[in-house]
Protein backbone atom coordinates (compact mmCIF):
# COMPACT_ATOMS: atom_id res chain seq x y z
CA MET A 1 34.70 40.09 10.97
CA ILE A 2 36.58 36.46 9.11
CA HIS A 3 34.54 34.45 11.92
CA THR A 4 31.03 35.98 10.98
CA VAL A 5 31.53 35.10 7.14
CA ASN A 6 32.58 31.57 8.79
CA ILE A 7 29.78 31.39 9.68
CA SER A 8 27.54 32.54 6.93
CA VAL A 9 28.94 30.49 4.35
CA LEU A 10 28.01 28.48 6.69
CA ILE A 11 24.57 28.67 7.69
CA VAL A 12 24.53 28.92 3.36
CA GLY A 13 25.96 25.55 2.72
CA ILE A 14 23.29 23.80 5.25
CA ALA A 15 20.95 25.37 3.47
CA GLY A 16 22.16 24.34 0.29
CA VAL A 17 22.30 21.09 1.34
CA ALA A 18 18.90 20.62 2.87
CA TYR A 19 17.61 21.94 -0.62
CA PHE A 20 19.59 19.12 -2.40
CA ASN A 21 17.96 16.52 0.22
CA LEU A 22 14.30 17.91 -0.05
CA ARG A 23 14.67 18.29 -3.90
CA ALA A 24 16.23 15.20 -3.91
CA HIS A 25 13.66 13.17 -1.93
CA ARG A 26 11.27 14.53 -3.17
CA LEU A 27 12.04 13.28 -6.63
CA PHE A 28 13.14 9.75 -5.33
CA SER A 29 9.61 10.15 -3.24
CA ASN A 30 7.82 10.73 -7.15
CA GLU A 31 9.69 7.76 -8.65
CA ASP A 32 8.37 5.32 -6.19
CA GLY A 33 5.03 6.03 -5.99
CA ARG A 34 5.40 4.76 -9.90
CA ILE A 35 7.32 1.70 -8.90
CA GLN A 36 4.87 1.32 -6.66
CA LYS A 37 1.56 1.86 -9.20
CA TYR A 38 3.00 -0.60 -11.46
CA LYS A 39 3.39 -3.08 -9.32
CA LEU A 40 -0.30 -2.88 -9.68
CA PHE A 41 -0.26 -3.39 -13.63
CA GLU A 42 1.74 -6.21 -13.49
CA ILE A 43 -0.91 -7.83 -11.49
CA ARG A 44 -3.33 -7.03 -13.13
CA ASP A 45 -1.37 -7.75 -16.56
CA ARG A 46 -0.70 -11.49 -14.66
CA LEU A 47 -4.78 -12.06 -14.11
CA VAL A 48 -4.91 -11.52 -17.90
CA ARG A 49 -2.44 -13.88 -18.77
CA LEU A 50 -4.43 -16.61 -16.77
CA VAL A 51 -7.94 -15.68 -18.73
CA ALA A 52 -5.74 -15.39 -21.97
CA GLU A 53 -3.54 -19.13 -20.57
CA ASP A 54 -7.43 -20.80 -19.96
CA LYS A 55 -6.76 -20.55 -16.18
CA LEU A 56 -9.28 -18.62 -15.16
CA ARG A 57 -12.52 -17.64 -16.43
CA GLU A 58 -13.38 -13.93 -17.80
CA ASP A 59 -16.86 -13.96 -16.22
CA SER A 60 -15.44 -15.75 -13.06
CA VAL A 61 -15.62 -13.69 -9.68
CA VAL A 62 -12.36 -14.24 -8.83
CA PHE A 63 -11.20 -12.30 -12.47
CA GLU A 64 -14.17 -9.84 -12.11
CA TYR A 65 -13.00 -8.52 -8.85
CA PHE A 66 -9.81 -8.08 -8.67
CA TYR A 67 -9.64 -6.95 -11.79
CA ARG A 68 -12.34 -4.08 -10.85
CA THR A 69 -10.61 -3.89 -7.91
CA ILE A 70 -7.18 -3.29 -8.87
CA ASP A 71 -8.20 -1.35 -12.28
CA PHE A 72 -10.34 1.08 -9.39
CA PHE A 73 -6.62 1.84 -7.42
CA ILE A 74 -4.55 2.60 -10.57
CA ARG A 75 -7.35 4.88 -11.50
CA HIS A 76 -8.05 6.41 -7.97
CA THR A 77 -3.83 6.60 -7.51
CA ASP A 78 -2.23 9.10 -9.72
CA GLN A 79 1.08 9.50 -7.97
CA LEU A 80 1.17 6.78 -5.10
CA THR A 81 1.55 8.64 -1.87
CA LEU A 82 0.02 7.16 1.53
CA GLU A 83 -2.80 9.94 1.78
CA SER A 84 -3.75 8.83 -1.94
CA LEU A 85 -3.70 5.71 -1.37
CA VAL A 86 -5.17 5.88 2.15
CA GLY A 87 -8.19 7.98 0.72
CA ALA A 88 -8.50 5.76 -2.81
CA LEU A 89 -8.73 2.35 0.08
CA HIS A 90 -11.74 4.23 1.76
CA GLN A 91 -13.69 4.82 -1.54
CA ALA A 92 -13.01 1.35 -2.62
CA GLN A 93 -14.48 0.96 1.09
CA GLU A 94 -17.38 2.60 -0.08
CA ARG A 95 -17.88 0.71 -3.16
CA GLY A 96 -17.53 -2.37 -2.05
CA LEU A 97 -14.60 -3.51 -3.57
CA ASP A 98 -12.14 -4.03 -0.97
CA PRO A 99 -10.90 -7.02 -1.23
CA ALA A 100 -9.53 -7.07 2.48
CA ALA A 101 -13.01 -6.28 4.05
CA GLU A 102 -14.08 -9.62 6.35
CA GLN A 103 -17.37 -10.31 3.90
CA GLU A 104 -14.97 -9.58 0.81
CA LEU A 105 -12.37 -12.61 2.22
CA GLY A 106 -14.60 -15.27 3.25
CA ARG A 107 -16.38 -14.64 -0.32
CA MET A 108 -13.03 -14.16 -1.95
CA GLN A 109 -11.76 -17.16 -0.69
CA SER A 110 -14.42 -19.87 -0.89
CA ALA A 111 -13.93 -19.03 -5.06
CA LEU A 112 -10.46 -19.23 -4.89
CA GLU A 113 -10.91 -22.72 -3.07
CA LYS A 114 -11.63 -23.43 -6.86
CA GLU A 115 -9.30 -21.56 -9.13
CA CYS A 116 -5.22 -23.36 -9.76
CA PRO A 117 -2.68 -22.48 -8.12
CA GLU A 118 -1.54 -19.77 -10.36
CA VAL A 119 -5.21 -17.77 -10.12
CA ARG A 120 -4.36 -17.93 -6.05
CA GLU A 121 -0.71 -17.07 -6.73
CA VAL A 122 -1.74 -13.14 -8.50
CA VAL A 123 -4.60 -12.65 -5.75
CA SER A 124 -1.69 -13.38 -2.63
CA ASP A 125 0.51 -11.44 -4.52
CA PHE A 126 -1.86 -8.32 -5.06
CA TYR A 127 -2.49 -9.00 -1.06
CA ALA A 128 1.27 -8.57 -0.41
CA THR A 129 2.15 -5.45 -2.78
CA MET A 130 -1.05 -3.84 -0.62
CA MET A 131 1.22 -4.21 2.04
CA GLN A 132 4.31 -3.05 0.71
CA ILE A 133 3.11 -0.44 -0.64
CA LEU A 134 1.70 1.02 2.62
CA MET A 135 4.50 -0.11 4.42
CA GLU A 136 7.24 1.44 1.95
CA ASN A 137 4.97 4.76 1.97
CA SER A 138 4.56 5.43 5.59
CA LEU A 139 7.47 5.24 8.48
CA VAL A 140 4.67 4.99 10.88
CA ILE A 141 3.80 1.13 9.43
CA ARG A 142 7.50 0.04 9.21
CA PHE A 143 7.77 1.47 12.79
CA ILE A 144 5.45 -0.73 13.88
CA VAL A 145 6.05 -3.40 12.28
CA SER A 146 8.95 -3.63 13.08
CA HIS A 147 8.23 -2.70 16.95
CA SER A 148 4.79 -4.03 17.84
CA ASN A 149 5.22 -4.03 21.56
CA VAL A 150 6.74 0.10 21.59
CA TRP A 151 3.28 1.05 19.05
CA ARG A 152 1.03 -0.78 21.72
CA ALA A 153 2.32 1.75 24.30
CA VAL A 154 1.90 4.36 21.45
CA ASN A 155 -1.77 3.20 21.00
CA ASP A 156 -2.59 3.34 24.52
CA LEU A 157 -1.62 7.34 24.30
CA ARG A 158 -3.22 8.03 21.14
CA ASN A 159 -5.81 10.01 22.62
CA PHE A 160 -3.40 12.74 23.87
CA ILE A 161 -1.58 12.82 20.61
CA GLY A 162 -5.00 13.41 18.39
CA GLU A 163 -5.90 14.06 15.36
CA MET A 164 -1.70 14.26 14.37
CA PHE A 165 -1.67 10.34 13.16
CA LEU A 166 -4.83 9.69 12.05
CA THR A 167 -3.46 9.10 7.69
CA GLN A 168 -1.03 7.43 9.68
CA ARG A 169 -3.95 5.03 11.78
CA GLN A 170 -5.95 4.33 8.58
CA ALA A 171 -3.60 3.19 6.52
CA TYR A 172 -2.14 0.79 9.72
CA VAL A 173 -5.44 -0.79 9.70
CA PHE A 174 -5.26 -1.54 5.71
CA TYR A 175 -1.78 -2.60 6.40
CA LYS A 176 -3.28 -5.17 9.11
CA ALA A 177 -6.42 -6.17 6.69
CA TYR A 178 -4.44 -7.08 3.59
CA LYS A 179 -1.81 -9.25 5.90
CA HIS A 180 -4.90 -11.09 7.40
CA ALA A 181 -6.48 -11.48 3.46
CA ALA A 182 -2.42 -12.84 2.60
CA ARG A 183 -2.11 -14.82 5.63
CA ILE A 184 -5.71 -16.71 4.76
CA THR A 185 -5.01 -16.75 0.70
CA ALA A 186 -1.34 -18.14 1.01
CA HIS A 187 -2.79 -21.13 3.30
CA ALA A 188 -5.49 -21.45 0.61
CA ALA A 189 -2.28 -22.01 -2.13
């Protein structure tokens, strides 16, 4: 009888701890999403500051494109999660607002060559922020970045895995595009 009571108390205790951990994880995830979204606000504000300081023209291709793009991501991600960000990135691609797309990257790189180092730094920080947000929201991307050789083996098996990792794979494609863009714009700086 006492043994049954102990087991029951243990089960209730484990369930309570699990419930607490799930609630805490959800709370921290929501706050992390807000912090990540504020990083996008900061980059947009830095662009505006460069215009106010006459270091960037308001009618420049760089300002118009990146301001519109960052504003798009802010407006289309109420709560920044991997799913909301990947969805916003897909919508941005459809609307021609993906600064990591090859054609846009080439166009922006040409425009950035004419801009001052502060402008190139803000653009580079945008790409780095997008990579960071994708990484912070995806355990799979963190694993891939840390263990690229293992990921190649997993990637070979993706036909067997099916749709289970679809959002994660899409997020990693976006991550690679932003990483590539960050490298290119960092060299222009």
